């Protein structure tokens, strides 16, 4: 099986600095608190590449992409012209060799040119979704999501969504606890679901001086309790209607949906890191019964809790990331 821990950043002349830096920050040296196997990252491209006002000397050529387990294509600065043919061919070859391929922002144009997005749902920065759809009509372009995970092919929207997708990959490979540690080191929200709209504010606010600043930590410490909207409103000293308005403004969703998301995330962490039964995890996350947990977990994550635990441990056990 492909070694996903070998990460190749496929760079070319004129790529954007931000998305390239995001990928290097996430997959580069592990932050304090992360132990065990980590990623081996390399920049792959021509001998010298100009990125903004800087010149980079890649670690190797595009031929290294086919030997990588994970290939990341950062954002192109310009999309008016077709991406370099040698980059497109190398990304296609890497995918055919079994690599997991992800694009950040307008890097999706490279994946589309390589034919990797044909018949797939994909996304890019909202300002370029119409262009991507027009140039590549066989791609199902979704302009309203942060990122799309289609197995071995992943695409993200622009800027902050690139960070979301990179953290999503860490979560897939190492679990929620490690992804949260990486997010804390970068001072970014630990998780934004890929299906979230590009224009919605972050579910976990970056600032503490908002109307829910005291409420959200209070709730996170009481996920095992059967909290209701009235309980939250009473704690926040506001009406349920006013609470709903603030939740929509701060998190982009309703109080109950936000609460369910936190319960599911906590259940994932417990499934990854403990041998607690599904019944015990249901109680610890405030779901009440194993039946309720299984229903919500399956609908949100896509697989039942027991399957999630087996899959995660098979991926991160003795053959972690292999």
Protein backbone atom coordinates (compact mmCIF):
# COMPACT_ATOMS: atom_id res chain seq x y z
CA UNK A 1 0.00 0.00 0.00
CA UNK A 2 1.20 3.52 -0.75
CA UNK A 3 3.16 5.26 1.99
CA UNK A 4 0.94 8.31 2.56
CA UNK A 5 3.52 9.89 4.85
CA UNK A 6 5.74 10.78 1.88
CA UNK A 7 4.38 14.18 0.86
CA UNK A 8 5.46 15.91 -2.35
CA UNK A 9 4.57 19.54 -2.99
CA UNK A 10 4.35 19.95 -6.75
CA UNK A 11 5.57 23.48 -7.46
CA UNK A 12 5.86 25.51 -10.64
CA UNK A 13 6.70 29.06 -11.63
CA UNK A 14 4.21 31.63 -10.40
CA UNK A 15 2.42 29.65 -7.71
CA UNK A 16 0.92 31.54 -4.79
CA UNK A 17 2.94 31.75 -1.60
CA UNK A 18 0.11 31.37 0.89
CA UNK A 19 -1.17 27.93 -0.09
CA UNK A 20 2.36 26.61 -0.54
CA UNK A 21 3.29 27.89 2.92
CA UNK A 22 0.15 26.36 4.46
CA UNK A 23 1.02 22.92 3.12
CA UNK A 24 4.62 23.19 4.28
CA UNK A 25 3.56 24.36 7.75
CA UNK A 26 1.13 21.47 8.20
CA UNK A 27 3.22 18.64 6.71
CA UNK A 28 6.67 19.97 7.60
CA UNK A 29 8.36 19.38 10.96
CA UNK A 30 5.79 18.21 13.55
CA UNK A 31 4.79 20.73 16.21
CA UNK A 32 5.54 20.24 19.88
CA UNK A 33 3.27 17.62 21.38
CA UNK A 34 3.13 15.39 18.30
CA UNK A 35 5.11 12.20 18.68
CA UNK A 36 5.50 9.10 16.56
CA UNK A 37 5.67 8.79 12.77
CA UNK A 38 5.26 12.00 10.79
CA UNK A 39 5.48 13.19 7.22
CA UNK A 40 8.57 13.27 5.01
CA UNK A 41 8.03 16.35 2.86
CA UNK A 42 9.76 17.43 -0.36
CA UNK A 43 9.36 20.25 -2.86
CA UNK A 44 9.31 18.91 -6.40
CA UNK A 45 9.65 20.98 -9.55
CA UNK A 46 12.06 22.61 -11.99
CA UNK A 47 15.57 23.45 -10.82
CA UNK A 48 14.57 26.96 -9.70
CA UNK A 49 11.05 28.28 -9.14
CA UNK A 50 9.95 31.86 -8.56
CA UNK A 51 7.16 32.12 -5.98
CA UNK A 52 6.14 35.74 -5.58
CA UNK A 53 9.32 37.68 -4.88
CA UNK A 54 11.22 34.59 -3.76
CA UNK A 55 13.17 31.92 -5.56
CA UNK A 56 12.98 28.32 -4.37
CA UNK A 57 15.27 25.43 -5.13
CA UNK A 58 13.14 22.25 -5.06
CA UNK A 59 14.46 19.06 -3.50
CA UNK A 60 13.95 17.17 -6.74
CA UNK A 61 12.21 17.07 -10.10
CA UNK A 62 8.66 16.07 -11.01
CA UNK A 63 9.76 12.45 -11.35
CA UNK A 64 9.66 12.26 -7.54
CA UNK A 65 5.87 12.76 -7.56
CA UNK A 66 5.32 9.20 -8.78
CA UNK A 67 7.21 7.90 -5.72
CA UNK A 68 5.19 9.95 -3.21
CA UNK A 69 2.22 8.72 -1.26
CA UNK A 70 0.57 12.14 -1.09
CA UNK A 71 0.93 14.84 -3.74
CA UNK A 72 -0.18 18.40 -2.96
CA UNK A 73 -0.67 20.92 -5.78
CA UNK A 74 -0.74 24.47 -4.36
CA UNK A 75 -2.57 27.40 -5.99
CA UNK A 76 -1.69 28.75 -9.42
CA UNK A 77 -1.33 32.52 -9.53
CA UNK A 78 -2.83 32.66 -13.04
CA UNK A 79 -5.49 30.42 -14.56
CA UNK A 80 -5.85 32.14 -17.95
CA UNK A 81 -3.37 29.77 -19.53
CA UNK A 82 -3.14 26.00 -19.33
CA UNK A 83 -0.86 24.76 -16.53
CA UNK A 84 2.60 23.48 -17.55
CA UNK A 85 2.30 20.21 -19.44
CA UNK A 86 5.17 18.59 -17.53
CA UNK A 87 3.42 19.33 -14.22
CA UNK A 88 0.11 17.97 -15.50
CA UNK A 89 1.77 14.79 -16.81
CA UNK A 90 3.65 14.26 -13.53
CA UNK A 91 0.52 14.66 -11.41
CA UNK A 92 -1.35 12.21 -13.64
CA UNK A 93 1.52 9.72 -13.40
CA UNK A 94 1.61 10.06 -9.62
CA UNK A 95 -2.12 9.31 -9.39
CA UNK A 96 -1.74 6.31 -11.70
CA UNK A 97 1.08 5.09 -9.45
CA UNK A 98 -1.30 5.12 -6.49
CA UNK A 99 -0.67 8.51 -4.88
CA UNK A 100 -3.33 10.45 -3.06
CA UNK A 101 -3.55 13.79 -4.89
CA UNK A 102 -4.88 17.03 -3.37
CA UNK A 103 -5.16 20.52 -4.81
CA UNK A 104 -5.30 23.78 -2.89
CA UNK A 105 -7.38 26.60 -4.35
CA UNK A 106 -6.65 27.00 -8.08
CA UNK A 107 -4.37 23.98 -8.03
CA UNK A 108 -7.61 22.24 -9.07
CA UNK A 109 -6.93 23.41 -12.63
CA UNK A 110 -3.88 21.14 -12.70
CA UNK A 111 -5.88 18.14 -11.50
CA UNK A 112 -8.62 18.92 -14.03
CA UNK A 113 -6.10 19.22 -16.87
CA UNK A 114 -4.70 15.83 -15.83
CA UNK A 115 -8.18 14.31 -16.11
CA UNK A 116 -8.30 13.41 -12.42
CA UNK A 117 -11.51 15.37 -11.83
CA UNK A 118 -13.53 13.99 -14.74
CA UNK A 119 -16.80 12.64 -13.40
CA UNK A 120 -15.95 13.79 -9.89
CA UNK A 121 -17.25 16.52 -7.63
CA UNK A 122 -14.58 19.14 -6.97
CA UNK A 123 -14.14 22.71 -5.83
CA UNK A 124 -11.79 25.67 -6.05
CA UNK A 125 -11.83 29.32 -4.96
CA UNK A 126 -15.32 30.74 -5.50
CA UNK A 127 -13.97 33.38 -7.90
CA UNK A 128 -12.75 30.63 -10.27
CA UNK A 129 -15.51 28.00 -10.05
CA UNK A 130 -17.31 29.20 -13.20
CA UNK A 131 -14.06 29.23 -15.14
CA UNK A 132 -13.20 25.71 -13.96
CA UNK A 133 -16.64 24.42 -14.93
CA UNK A 134 -16.54 26.09 -18.34
CA UNK A 135 -13.05 24.84 -19.19
CA UNK A 136 -13.64 21.33 -17.87
CA UNK A 137 -17.34 20.45 -18.38
CA UNK A 138 -16.85 16.85 -17.24
CA UNK A 139 -16.03 18.09 -13.73
CA UNK A 140 -18.90 18.53 -11.28
CA UNK A 141 -17.81 21.85 -9.78
CA UNK A 142 -19.31 22.67 -6.39
CA UNK A 143 -18.83 26.37 -5.59
CA UNK A 144 -20.39 26.20 -2.13
CA UNK A 145 -18.04 24.00 -0.11
CA UNK A 146 -14.68 24.38 1.60
CA UNK A 147 -13.21 21.14 0.29
CA UNK A 148 -14.19 17.88 -1.34
CA UNK A 149 -12.77 14.51 -0.33
CA UNK A 150 -13.31 11.96 -3.09
CA UNK A 151 -10.97 9.30 -1.77
CA UNK A 152 -7.60 9.56 -3.53
CA UNK A 153 -8.52 12.91 -5.11
CA UNK A 154 -9.21 15.95 -2.95
CA UNK A 155 -9.76 19.62 -3.80
CA UNK A 156 -10.14 22.73 -1.66
CA UNK A 157 -11.42 26.26 -2.01
CA UNK A 158 -9.10 29.22 -1.46
CA UNK A 159 -6.85 30.47 1.32
CA UNK A 160 -8.18 29.32 4.73
CA UNK A 161 -9.91 26.34 3.10
CA UNK A 162 -6.48 25.10 2.06
CA UNK A 163 -5.61 24.85 5.75
CA UNK A 164 -8.89 23.01 6.37
CA UNK A 165 -8.06 20.41 3.75
CA UNK A 166 -4.50 19.93 5.00
CA UNK A 167 -5.75 19.42 8.56
CA UNK A 168 -8.38 17.03 7.19
CA UNK A 169 -5.58 14.91 5.71
CA UNK A 170 -3.74 14.92 9.04
CA UNK A 171 -6.97 13.84 10.72
CA UNK A 172 -7.38 10.98 8.26
CA UNK A 173 -3.79 9.82 8.78
CA UNK A 174 -3.23 10.46 12.49
CA UNK A 175 -6.64 11.02 14.08
CA UNK A 176 -8.50 13.95 15.57
CA UNK A 177 -6.29 14.41 18.62
CA UNK A 178 -3.14 14.91 16.54
CA UNK A 179 -4.95 17.15 14.05
CA UNK A 180 -6.20 19.27 16.94
CA UNK A 181 -2.66 19.55 18.30
CA UNK A 182 -1.42 20.75 14.91
CA UNK A 183 -4.30 23.23 14.69
CA UNK A 184 -3.53 24.61 18.15
CA UNK A 185 0.11 25.12 17.22
CA UNK A 186 -1.00 27.09 14.15
CA UNK A 187 -3.71 28.95 16.13
CA UNK A 188 -6.47 27.94 13.71
CA UNK A 189 -9.85 26.23 14.19
CA UNK A 190 -9.31 22.49 14.66
CA UNK A 191 -12.06 21.41 12.30
CA UNK A 192 -14.33 22.83 9.63
CA UNK A 193 -16.41 20.31 7.76
CA UNK A 194 -15.72 20.23 4.04
CA UNK A 195 -19.38 20.70 3.20
CA UNK A 196 -19.54 24.03 4.96
CA UNK A 197 -20.24 27.03 2.73
CA UNK A 198 -17.20 29.06 1.66
CA UNK A 199 -18.67 32.29 3.01
CA UNK A 200 -19.70 31.05 6.48
CA UNK A 201 -17.68 32.18 9.49
CA UNK A 202 -15.67 29.60 11.40
CA UNK A 203 -17.49 27.08 13.65
CA UNK A 204 -14.81 27.53 16.32
CA UNK A 205 -14.27 31.30 16.66
CA UNK A 206 -10.73 32.61 16.56
CA UNK A 207 -11.55 35.36 19.08
CA UNK A 208 -12.90 35.07 22.60
CA UNK A 209 -14.60 38.48 22.82
CA UNK A 210 -17.78 37.42 21.02
CA UNK A 211 -21.20 36.91 22.68
CA UNK A 212 -20.64 33.15 22.95
CA UNK A 213 -17.09 33.40 24.29
CA UNK A 214 -18.00 32.04 27.73
CA UNK A 215 -20.74 29.69 26.57
CA UNK A 216 -18.86 27.51 24.09
CA UNK A 217 -16.09 26.36 26.50
CA UNK A 218 -18.79 25.73 29.13
CA UNK A 219 -20.65 23.46 26.69
CA UNK A 220 -17.47 21.63 25.66
CA UNK A 221 -16.90 20.62 29.28
CA UNK A 222 -20.45 19.21 29.51
CA UNK A 223 -20.87 17.21 26.33
CA UNK A 224 -21.93 14.19 28.38
CA UNK A 225 -25.04 16.02 29.57
CA UNK A 226 -28.40 16.19 27.76
CA UNK A 227 -28.14 19.91 27.03
CA UNK A 228 -30.99 21.70 25.26
CA UNK A 229 -31.22 25.05 23.48
CA UNK A 230 -33.03 26.41 26.54
CA UNK A 231 -30.11 25.28 28.73
CA UNK A 232 -27.67 27.12 26.48
CA UNK A 233 -29.83 30.23 26.31
CA UNK A 234 -30.21 30.29 30.07
CA UNK A 235 -26.46 29.97 30.55
CA UNK A 236 -25.83 32.76 28.00
CA UNK A 237 -28.51 34.93 29.64
CA UNK A 238 -30.38 35.53 26.41
CA UNK A 239 -33.52 34.32 24.69
CA UNK A 240 -33.47 31.20 22.53
CA UNK A 241 -34.13 33.32 19.46
CA UNK A 242 -31.26 35.69 20.28
CA UNK A 243 -29.01 32.71 20.97
CA UNK A 244 -29.83 31.30 17.55
CA UNK A 245 -28.90 34.58 15.86
CA UNK A 246 -25.56 34.74 17.65
CA UNK A 247 -24.79 31.09 16.83
CA UNK A 248 -25.52 31.65 13.16
CA UNK A 249 -23.29 34.73 13.14
CA UNK A 250 -20.38 33.19 15.07
CA UNK A 251 -20.43 29.53 13.99
CA UNK A 252 -22.44 29.56 10.78
CA UNK A 253 -24.92 27.00 12.09
CA UNK A 254 -27.66 26.45 14.71
CA UNK A 255 -27.02 25.70 18.39
CA UNK A 256 -28.24 22.11 18.06
CA UNK A 257 -26.21 21.42 14.92
CA UNK A 258 -23.08 22.89 16.50
CA UNK A 259 -23.65 20.81 19.62
CA UNK A 260 -24.14 17.65 17.56
CA UNK A 261 -20.92 18.36 15.65
CA UNK A 262 -18.97 18.66 18.91
CA UNK A 263 -20.49 15.40 20.20
CA UNK A 264 -19.53 13.56 17.00
CA UNK A 265 -15.98 14.96 17.09
CA UNK A 266 -15.62 13.86 20.72
CA UNK A 267 -16.95 10.41 19.80
CA UNK A 268 -14.32 10.16 17.05
CA UNK A 269 -11.56 10.98 19.52
CA UNK A 270 -12.80 8.35 21.98
CA UNK A 271 -13.11 5.72 19.26
CA UNK A 272 -9.55 6.50 18.15
CA UNK A 273 -7.90 6.66 21.56
CA UNK A 274 -9.84 4.33 23.90
CA UNK A 275 -11.34 0.84 24.04
CA UNK A 276 -14.57 2.18 25.54
CA UNK A 277 -17.70 0.47 24.22
CA UNK A 278 -20.05 2.25 21.86
CA UNK A 279 -22.58 2.35 24.70
CA UNK A 280 -20.01 4.03 26.96
CA UNK A 281 -19.06 6.53 24.28
CA UNK A 282 -22.73 7.33 23.70
CA UNK A 283 -23.04 8.20 27.38
CA UNK A 284 -19.78 10.18 27.42
CA UNK A 285 -20.86 12.29 24.45
CA UNK A 286 -24.40 12.97 25.59
CA UNK A 287 -25.98 10.80 22.90
CA UNK A 288 -27.80 8.72 25.48
CA UNK A 289 -27.93 5.37 23.69
CA UNK A 290 -25.72 3.44 21.30
CA UNK A 291 -28.57 3.46 18.78
CA UNK A 292 -28.70 7.26 18.78
CA UNK A 293 -24.93 7.55 18.47
CA UNK A 294 -24.82 5.06 15.60
CA UNK A 295 -27.58 6.90 13.72
CA UNK A 296 -25.99 10.36 14.00
CA UNK A 297 -22.43 9.08 13.55
CA UNK A 298 -23.26 7.11 10.42
CA UNK A 299 -25.13 10.06 8.92
CA UNK A 300 -22.34 12.56 9.72
CA UNK A 301 -19.15 10.52 9.23
CA UNK A 302 -20.45 8.06 6.65
CA UNK A 303 -19.68 4.84 8.52
CA UNK A 304 -20.87 3.26 11.82
CA UNK A 305 -18.74 3.85 14.96
CA UNK A 306 -17.42 0.25 15.03
CA UNK A 307 -16.31 0.46 11.41
CA UNK A 308 -14.68 3.84 12.03
CA UNK A 309 -12.69 2.40 14.94
CA UNK A 310 -11.53 -0.66 12.99
CA UNK A 311 -10.59 1.40 9.94
CA UNK A 312 -8.73 4.01 11.96
CA UNK A 313 -6.77 1.47 13.96
CA UNK A 314 -5.92 -0.56 10.86
CA UNK A 315 -4.54 2.62 9.30
CA UNK A 316 -2.69 3.91 12.35
CA UNK A 317 -1.65 0.73 14.13
CA UNK A 318 1.43 -1.35 13.44
CA UNK A 319 1.33 -0.28 9.76
CA UNK A 320 0.59 3.36 10.53
CA UNK A 321 0.43 5.47 7.39
CA UNK A 322 1.50 2.55 5.23
